[in-house]
Amino acid sequence: MQEMWTALDEYIESHLISEDPKLQKIIENTAEHGFSNHLAVAPNQGMLLQMLIQMNHCKRVLELGTFAAYSTAWLARALPEDGYLLTIEGRDTHAAMAQHNIDQANYPVKVELKVGRAADVLRALPAETQPFDFIFIDADKQSYPEYLELSLQFSRSGTVIVLDNVIRAGDIINPDNHKPSIEGIRETFSALKDHPRLLSCTALQTVGSKGHDGFAIAIVK
């Protein structure tokens, strides 16, 4: 099945995703420095993030989990020139690669990379920080419940929150799997259910070049 999923992603990309030299350069830089591109979103997933930002006329974006800044680039290129993107990465080696890729891509919007555990960075933001219009959470899964609550503190009515990797090839419904990452996602589903700050929420399974996984998408009330 994986072969077919990958082939279908390639078919989608060849027909619907225009080539972007900046995105391609990030992929090449990441591989040349020994980082696995498997940790990044697929191009069709990046386009979905871009479209959600465009549909909602977002200007301020928050990303938790930068890795090598491939998803960051998709988010940045969706923003108007007066937009702002704050991305947070916990690993120094990933952050160094990400900053190199961000600098080289040189998108016209302001992209700020902060290094540290996302929860600590968010708690250290000034009290007067303006809310974000779009929040993409793709960091350590065991901390998703904490990241969700912190993200809500920096959101407004209508903010779109997307959480990546919430299906994990079905491991979330395996009662014998008690890995911290899986337990974190289960706790996140429980937190999302009837959350008083959310207008609506759902999750979608995805299959493709990145395997079997999925997104959760929520709108702030």
C-alpha atoms as a PDB file:
ATOM      1  CA  MET A   1       0.000   0.000   0.000  1.00  0.00           C
ATOM      2  CA  GLN A   2       2.817   2.412   0.798  1.00  0.00           C
ATOM      3  CA  GLU A   3       4.095   2.230  -2.786  1.00  0.00           C
ATOM      4  CA  MET A   4       0.681   3.173  -4.134  1.00  0.00           C
ATOM      5  CA  TRP A   5       0.201   5.947  -1.553  1.00  0.00           C
ATOM      6  CA  THR A   6       3.549   7.466  -2.523  1.00  0.00           C
ATOM      7  CA  ALA A   7       2.789   7.168  -6.240  1.00  0.00           C
ATOM      8  CA  LEU A   8      -0.561   8.894  -5.749  1.00  0.00           C
ATOM      9  CA  ASP A   9       1.072  11.736  -3.816  1.00  0.00           C
ATOM     10  CA  GLU A  10       3.528  12.134  -6.687  1.00  0.00           C
ATOM     11  CA  TYR A  11       0.619  12.177  -9.159  1.00  0.00           C
ATOM     12  CA  ILE A  12      -1.172  14.865  -7.140  1.00  0.00           C
ATOM     13  CA  GLU A  13       1.990  16.937  -6.877  1.00  0.00           C
ATOM     14  CA  SER A  14       2.794  16.665 -10.588  1.00  0.00           C
ATOM     15  CA  HIS A  15      -0.674  17.935 -11.528  1.00  0.00           C
ATOM     16  CA  LEU A  16      -1.628  20.370  -8.780  1.00  0.00           C
ATOM     17  CA  ILE A  17       1.497  21.627  -6.970  1.00  0.00           C
ATOM     18  CA  SER A  18       3.566  24.125  -8.941  1.00  0.00           C
ATOM     19  CA  GLU A  19       7.320  23.836  -8.569  1.00  0.00           C
ATOM     20  CA  ASP A  20       8.876  26.356  -6.192  1.00  0.00           C
ATOM     21  CA  PRO A  21      12.691  26.641  -6.363  1.00  0.00           C
ATOM     22  CA  LYS A  22      12.821  27.913  -2.774  1.00  0.00           C
ATOM     23  CA  LEU A  23      10.958  24.894  -1.444  1.00  0.00           C
ATOM     24  CA  GLN A  24      13.075  22.552  -3.516  1.00  0.00           C
ATOM     25  CA  LYS A  25      16.254  24.191  -2.205  1.00  0.00           C
ATOM     26  CA  ILE A  26      15.108  23.592   1.379  1.00  0.00           C
ATOM     27  CA  ILE A  27      14.606  19.898   0.601  1.00  0.00           C
ATOM     28  CA  GLU A  28      18.065  19.692  -0.990  1.00  0.00           C
ATOM     29  CA  ASN A  29      19.778  21.594   1.853  1.00  0.00           C
ATOM     30  CA  THR A  30      18.113  19.395   4.442  1.00  0.00           C
ATOM     31  CA  ALA A  31      19.213  16.187   2.712  1.00  0.00           C
ATOM     32  CA  GLU A  32      22.763  17.470   2.147  1.00  0.00           C
ATOM     33  CA  HIS A  33      23.121  18.114   5.878  1.00  0.00           C
ATOM     34  CA  GLY A  34      22.001  14.595   6.745  1.00  0.00           C
ATOM     35  CA  PHE A  35      18.472  15.350   7.966  1.00  0.00           C
ATOM     36  CA  SER A  36      15.609  13.069   6.963  1.00  0.00           C
ATOM     37  CA  ASN A  37      12.933  14.846   4.963  1.00  0.00           C
ATOM     38  CA  HIS A  38      10.453  12.277   6.306  1.00  0.00           C
ATOM     39  CA  LEU A  39       9.953  14.570   9.313  1.00  0.00           C
ATOM     40  CA  ALA A  40       8.576  17.353   7.110  1.00  0.00           C
ATOM     41  CA  VAL A  41       5.077  17.666   5.686  1.00  0.00           C
ATOM     42  CA  ALA A  42       4.438  16.383   2.168  1.00  0.00           C
ATOM     43  CA  PRO A  43       4.002  19.028  -0.576  1.00  0.00           C
ATOM     44  CA  ASN A  44       0.256  18.429  -0.887  1.00  0.00           C
ATOM     45  CA  GLN A  45      -0.044  18.797   2.900  1.00  0.00           C
ATOM     46  CA  GLY A  46       1.968  22.014   2.725  1.00  0.00           C
ATOM     47  CA  MET A  47      -0.447  23.277   0.090  1.00  0.00           C
ATOM     48  CA  LEU A  48      -3.370  22.460   2.397  1.00  0.00           C
ATOM     49  CA  LEU A  49      -1.795  24.600   5.129  1.00  0.00           C
ATOM     50  CA  GLN A  50      -1.225  27.380   2.603  1.00  0.00           C
ATOM     51  CA  MET A  51      -4.835  27.250   1.453  1.00  0.00           C
ATOM     52  CA  LEU A  52      -6.211  27.344   5.003  1.00  0.00           C
ATOM     53  CA  ILE A  53      -4.185  30.512   5.629  1.00  0.00           C
ATOM     54  CA  GLN A  54      -5.332  32.060   2.361  1.00  0.00           C
ATOM     55  CA  MET A  55      -8.997  31.136   2.881  1.00  0.00           C
ATOM     56  CA  ASN A  56      -9.003  32.761   6.291  1.00  0.00           C
ATOM     57  CA  HIS A  57      -6.976  35.848   5.265  1.00  0.00           C
ATOM     58  CA  CYS A  58      -4.477  35.191   8.046  1.00  0.00           C
ATOM     59  CA  LYS A  59      -1.678  37.627   8.777  1.00  0.00           C
ATOM     60  CA  ARG A  60      -0.146  36.234  11.970  1.00  0.00           C
ATOM     61  CA  VAL A  61       0.957  32.592  12.133  1.00  0.00           C
ATOM     62  CA  LEU A  62       2.418  30.539  14.968  1.00  0.00           C
ATOM     63  CA  GLU A  63       4.236  27.257  14.306  1.00  0.00           C
ATOM     64  CA  LEU A  64       5.336  24.863  17.050  1.00  0.00           C
ATOM     65  CA  GLY A  65       8.006  22.525  15.669  1.00  0.00           C
ATOM     66  CA  THR A  66      10.129  23.977  12.868  1.00  0.00           C
ATOM     67  CA  PHE A  67      12.409  21.043  12.028  1.00  0.00           C
ATOM     68  CA  ALA A  68      14.261  22.271   8.895  1.00  0.00           C
ATOM     69  CA  ALA A  69      11.647  24.950   8.016  1.00  0.00           C
ATOM     70  CA  TYR A  70       9.993  23.199   5.057  1.00  0.00           C
ATOM     71  CA  SER A  71       6.519  23.611   6.551  1.00  0.00           C
ATOM     72  CA  THR A  72       7.594  27.075   7.708  1.00  0.00           C
ATOM     73  CA  ALA A  73       8.190  28.014   4.078  1.00  0.00           C
ATOM     74  CA  TRP A  74       4.711  26.851   3.080  1.00  0.00           C
ATOM     75  CA  LEU A  75       3.236  28.962   5.863  1.00  0.00           C
ATOM     76  CA  ALA A  76       5.371  31.997   5.008  1.00  0.00           C
ATOM     77  CA  ARG A  77       4.605  31.996   1.316  1.00  0.00           C
ATOM     78  CA  ALA A  78       0.865  32.025   2.090  1.00  0.00           C
ATOM     79  CA  LEU A  79       1.109  35.291   4.040  1.00  0.00           C
ATOM     80  CA  PRO A  80       0.802  38.847   2.718  1.00  0.00           C
ATOM     81  CA  GLU A  81       3.951  40.973   2.819  1.00  0.00           C
ATOM     82  CA  ASP A  82       2.859  42.607   6.081  1.00  0.00           C
ATOM     83  CA  GLY A  83       2.400  39.183   7.688  1.00  0.00           C
ATOM     84  CA  TYR A  84       4.339  37.716  10.589  1.00  0.00           C
ATOM     85  CA  LEU A  85       5.341  34.126  11.327  1.00  0.00           C
ATOM     86  CA  LEU A  86       6.749  32.941  14.650  1.00  0.00           C
ATOM     87  CA  THR A  87       8.175  29.426  14.528  1.00  0.00           C
ATOM     88  CA  ILE A  88       9.579  27.587  17.560  1.00  0.00           C
ATOM     89  CA  GLU A  89      12.062  24.700  17.486  1.00  0.00           C
ATOM     90  CA  GLY A  90      13.365  22.814  20.501  1.00  0.00           C
ATOM     91  CA  ARG A  91      16.488  21.197  19.029  1.00  0.00           C
ATOM     92  CA  ASP A  92      19.553  23.348  18.388  1.00  0.00           C
ATOM     93  CA  THR A  93      20.706  21.307  15.391  1.00  0.00           C
ATOM     94  CA  HIS A  94      17.281  21.503  13.731  1.00  0.00           C
ATOM     95  CA  ALA A  95      17.036  25.212  14.508  1.00  0.00           C
ATOM     96  CA  ALA A  96      20.408  25.939  12.895  1.00  0.00           C
ATOM     97  CA  MET A  97      19.355  24.121   9.731  1.00  0.00           C
ATOM     98  CA  ALA A  98      15.975  25.860   9.802  1.00  0.00           C
ATOM     99  CA  GLN A  99      17.497  29.326  10.166  1.00  0.00           C
ATOM    100  CA  HIS A 100      19.810  28.647   7.229  1.00  0.00           C
ATOM    101  CA  ASN A 101      16.841  27.586   5.090  1.00  0.00           C
ATOM    102  CA  ILE A 102      14.719  30.544   6.206  1.00  0.00           C
ATOM    103  CA  ASP A 103      17.517  32.998   5.411  1.00  0.00           C
ATOM    104  CA  GLN A 104      18.133  31.442   2.018  1.00  0.00           C
ATOM    105  CA  ALA A 105      14.434  31.373   1.071  1.00  0.00           C
ATOM    106  CA  ASN A 106      14.170  35.070   1.988  1.00  0.00           C
ATOM    107  CA  TYR A 107      10.385  35.354   1.824  1.00  0.00           C
ATOM    108  CA  PRO A 108       9.156  38.962   2.011  1.00  0.00           C
ATOM    109  CA  VAL A 109       7.221  38.386   5.265  1.00  0.00           C
ATOM    110  CA  LYS A 110       8.871  38.555   8.681  1.00  0.00           C
ATOM    111  CA  VAL A 111       9.797  35.047   9.865  1.00  0.00           C
ATOM    112  CA  GLU A 112      11.131  34.812  13.417  1.00  0.00           C
ATOM    113  CA  LEU A 113      12.652  31.585  14.749  1.00  0.00           C
ATOM    114  CA  LYS A 114      12.884  31.087  18.509  1.00  0.00           C
ATOM    115  CA  VAL A 115      14.826  28.151  19.967  1.00  0.00           C
ATOM    116  CA  GLY A 116      13.641  26.318  23.070  1.00  0.00           C
ATOM    117  CA  ARG A 117      10.859  24.120  24.343  1.00  0.00           C
ATOM    118  CA  ALA A 118       7.696  25.513  22.814  1.00  0.00           C
ATOM    119  CA  ALA A 119       5.846  25.732  26.132  1.00  0.00           C
ATOM    120  CA  ASP A 120       8.689  27.744  27.707  1.00  0.00           C
ATOM    121  CA  VAL A 121       8.952  30.076  24.717  1.00  0.00           C
ATOM    122  CA  LEU A 122       5.197  30.715  24.676  1.00  0.00           C
ATOM    123  CA  ARG A 123       5.105  31.430  28.409  1.00  0.00           C
ATOM    124  CA  ALA A 124       7.937  33.927  27.950  1.00  0.00           C
ATOM    125  CA  LEU A 125       6.149  35.916  25.228  1.00  0.00           C
ATOM    126  CA  PRO A 126       5.180  39.447  26.267  1.00  0.00           C
ATOM    127  CA  ALA A 127       1.691  39.838  27.707  1.00  0.00           C
ATOM    128  CA  GLU A 128       0.851  42.314  24.934  1.00  0.00           C
ATOM    129  CA  THR A 129       1.599  39.771  22.166  1.00  0.00           C
ATOM    130  CA  GLN A 130      -1.130  40.026  19.536  1.00  0.00           C
ATOM    131  CA  PRO A 131      -3.179  36.871  18.930  1.00  0.00           C
ATOM    132  CA  PHE A 132      -2.342  34.603  16.019  1.00  0.00           C
ATOM    133  CA  ASP A 133      -4.769  33.889  13.187  1.00  0.00           C
ATOM    134  CA  PHE A 134      -3.394  30.439  12.368  1.00  0.00           C
ATOM    135  CA  ILE A 135      -1.513  27.985  14.594  1.00  0.00           C
ATOM    136  CA  PHE A 136       0.261  24.851  13.357  1.00  0.00           C
ATOM    137  CA  ILE A 137       1.337  22.353  16.018  1.00  0.00           C
ATOM    138  CA  ASP A 138       3.890  19.771  14.855  1.00  0.00           C
ATOM    139  CA  ALA A 139       6.222  19.262  17.821  1.00  0.00           C
ATOM    140  CA  ASP A 140       6.701  16.553  20.477  1.00  0.00           C
ATOM    141  CA  LYS A 141       3.416  14.660  20.664  1.00  0.00           C
ATOM    142  CA  GLN A 142       3.430  14.004  24.410  1.00  0.00           C
ATOM    143  CA  SER A 143       3.175  17.764  24.939  1.00  0.00           C
ATOM    144  CA  TYR A 144       0.241  18.353  22.570  1.00  0.00           C
ATOM    145  CA  PRO A 145      -2.321  18.834  25.393  1.00  0.00           C
ATOM    146  CA  GLU A 146      -0.115  21.534  26.931  1.00  0.00           C
ATOM    147  CA  TYR A 147       0.573  23.143  23.554  1.00  0.00           C
ATOM    148  CA  LEU A 148      -3.137  23.239  22.763  1.00  0.00           C
ATOM    149  CA  GLU A 149      -3.984  25.125  25.944  1.00  0.00           C
ATOM    150  CA  LEU A 150      -1.072  27.541  25.537  1.00  0.00           C
ATOM    151  CA  SER A 151      -1.990  28.138  21.896  1.00  0.00           C
ATOM    152  CA  LEU A 152      -5.511  29.061  22.922  1.00  0.00           C
ATOM    153  CA  GLN A 153      -4.045  31.812  25.097  1.00  0.00           C
ATOM    154  CA  PHE A 154      -2.570  33.365  21.955  1.00  0.00           C
ATOM    155  CA  SER A 155      -5.630  32.937  19.750  1.00  0.00           C
ATOM    156  CA  ARG A 156      -8.729  34.972  18.930  1.00  0.00           C
ATOM    157  CA  SER A 157     -12.244  34.160  17.787  1.00  0.00           C
ATOM    158  CA  GLY A 158     -11.821  32.489  14.394  1.00  0.00           C
ATOM    159  CA  THR A 159      -8.224  31.366  14.853  1.00  0.00           C
ATOM    160  CA  VAL A 160      -7.590  28.078  13.040  1.00  0.00           C
ATOM    161  CA  ILE A 161      -5.505  25.488  14.904  1.00  0.00           C
ATOM    162  CA  VAL A 162      -4.036  22.505  13.033  1.00  0.00           C
ATOM    163  CA  LEU A 163      -2.351  19.645  14.902  1.00  0.00           C
ATOM    164  CA  ASP A 164      -0.241  17.273  12.799  1.00  0.00           C
ATOM    165  CA  ASN A 165       0.429  13.540  13.255  1.00  0.00           C
ATOM    166  CA  VAL A 166      -2.615  12.674  15.360  1.00  0.00           C
ATOM    167  CA  ILE A 167      -3.368   9.211  13.914  1.00  0.00           C
ATOM    168  CA  ARG A 168       0.056   7.544  13.993  1.00  0.00           C
ATOM    169  CA  ALA A 169      -0.881   4.609  11.734  1.00  0.00           C
ATOM    170  CA  GLY A 170      -3.760   3.758  14.058  1.00  0.00           C
ATOM    171  CA  ASP A 171      -1.614   3.430  17.184  1.00  0.00           C
ATOM    172  CA  ILE A 172      -3.936   5.765  19.080  1.00  0.00           C
ATOM    173  CA  ILE A 173      -6.607   3.034  19.197  1.00  0.00           C
ATOM    174  CA  ASN A 174      -4.199   0.250  20.142  1.00  0.00           C
ATOM    175  CA  PRO A 175      -4.911  -0.350  23.872  1.00  0.00           C
ATOM    176  CA  ASP A 176      -1.478  -1.943  24.327  1.00  0.00           C
ATOM    177  CA  ASN A 177       0.422   1.129  23.123  1.00  0.00           C
ATOM    178  CA  HIS A 178       1.290   3.385  26.037  1.00  0.00           C
ATOM    179  CA  LYS A 179       4.149   5.373  24.518  1.00  0.00           C
ATOM    180  CA  PRO A 180       4.218   8.951  25.854  1.00  0.00           C
ATOM    181  CA  SER A 181       3.665  10.286  22.330  1.00  0.00           C
ATOM    182  CA  ILE A 182       0.562   8.142  21.820  1.00  0.00           C
ATOM    183  CA  GLU A 183      -0.820   8.915  25.275  1.00  0.00           C
ATOM    184  CA  GLY A 184      -0.268  12.603  24.537  1.00  0.00           C
ATOM    185  CA  ILE A 185      -2.342  12.417  21.391  1.00  0.00           C
ATOM    186  CA  ARG A 186      -5.118  10.509  23.174  1.00  0.00           C
ATOM    187  CA  GLU A 187      -5.185  13.202  25.850  1.00  0.00           C
ATOM    188  CA  THR A 188      -5.371  15.801  23.093  1.00  0.00           C
ATOM    189  CA  PHE A 189      -8.436  14.146  21.578  1.00  0.00           C
ATOM    190  CA  SER A 190     -10.042  14.173  25.022  1.00  0.00           C
ATOM    191  CA  ALA A 191      -9.175  17.851  25.442  1.00  0.00           C
ATOM    192  CA  LEU A 192     -10.547  18.756  21.995  1.00  0.00           C
ATOM    193  CA  LYS A 193     -13.862  17.036  22.704  1.00  0.00           C
ATOM    194  CA  ASP A 194     -16.411  19.704  23.689  1.00  0.00           C
ATOM    195  CA  HIS A 195     -13.639  22.163  24.564  1.00  0.00           C
ATOM    196  CA  PRO A 196     -15.306  25.367  25.812  1.00  0.00           C
ATOM    197  CA  ARG A 197     -12.951  27.551  23.733  1.00  0.00           C
ATOM    198  CA  LEU A 198     -13.565  25.769  20.428  1.00  0.00           C
ATOM    199  CA  LEU A 199     -16.356  26.422  17.954  1.00  0.00           C
ATOM    200  CA  SER A 200     -15.802  23.191  16.033  1.00  0.00           C
ATOM    201  CA  CYS A 201     -13.184  20.515  15.581  1.00  0.00           C
ATOM    202  CA  THR A 202     -12.530  17.380  13.566  1.00  0.00           C
ATOM    203  CA  ALA A 203      -9.689  15.060  12.582  1.00  0.00           C
ATOM    204  CA  LEU A 204      -8.885  13.549   9.203  1.00  0.00           C
ATOM    205  CA  GLN A 205      -6.848  10.460   8.406  1.00  0.00           C
ATOM    206  CA  THR A 206      -4.253  10.869   5.676  1.00  0.00           C
ATOM    207  CA  VAL A 207      -2.315   8.333   3.642  1.00  0.00           C
ATOM    208  CA  GLY A 208       0.509   9.195   1.290  1.00  0.00           C
ATOM    209  CA  SER A 209       4.264   9.471   0.993  1.00  0.00           C
ATOM    210  CA  LYS A 210       4.435  10.067   4.766  1.00  0.00           C
ATOM    211  CA  GLY A 211       2.493   6.888   5.547  1.00  0.00           C
ATOM    212  CA  HIS A 212      -0.763   6.660   7.511  1.00  0.00           C
ATOM    213  CA  ASP A 213      -1.398   9.602   9.808  1.00  0.00           C
ATOM    214  CA  GLY A 214      -3.667  12.627  10.009  1.00  0.00           C
ATOM    215  CA  PHE A 215      -4.530  16.170  11.088  1.00  0.00           C
ATOM    216  CA  ALA A 216      -6.839  17.586  13.716  1.00  0.00           C
ATOM    217  CA  ILE A 217      -8.336  20.952  12.804  1.00  0.00           C
ATOM    218  CA  ALA A 218     -10.122  23.282  15.210  1.00  0.00           C
ATOM    219  CA  ILE A 219     -11.674  26.769  15.066  1.00  0.00           C
ATOM    220  CA  VAL A 220     -11.566  28.962  18.146  1.00  0.00           C
ATOM    221  CA  LYS A 221     -14.950  30.174  19.397  1.00  0.00           C
END
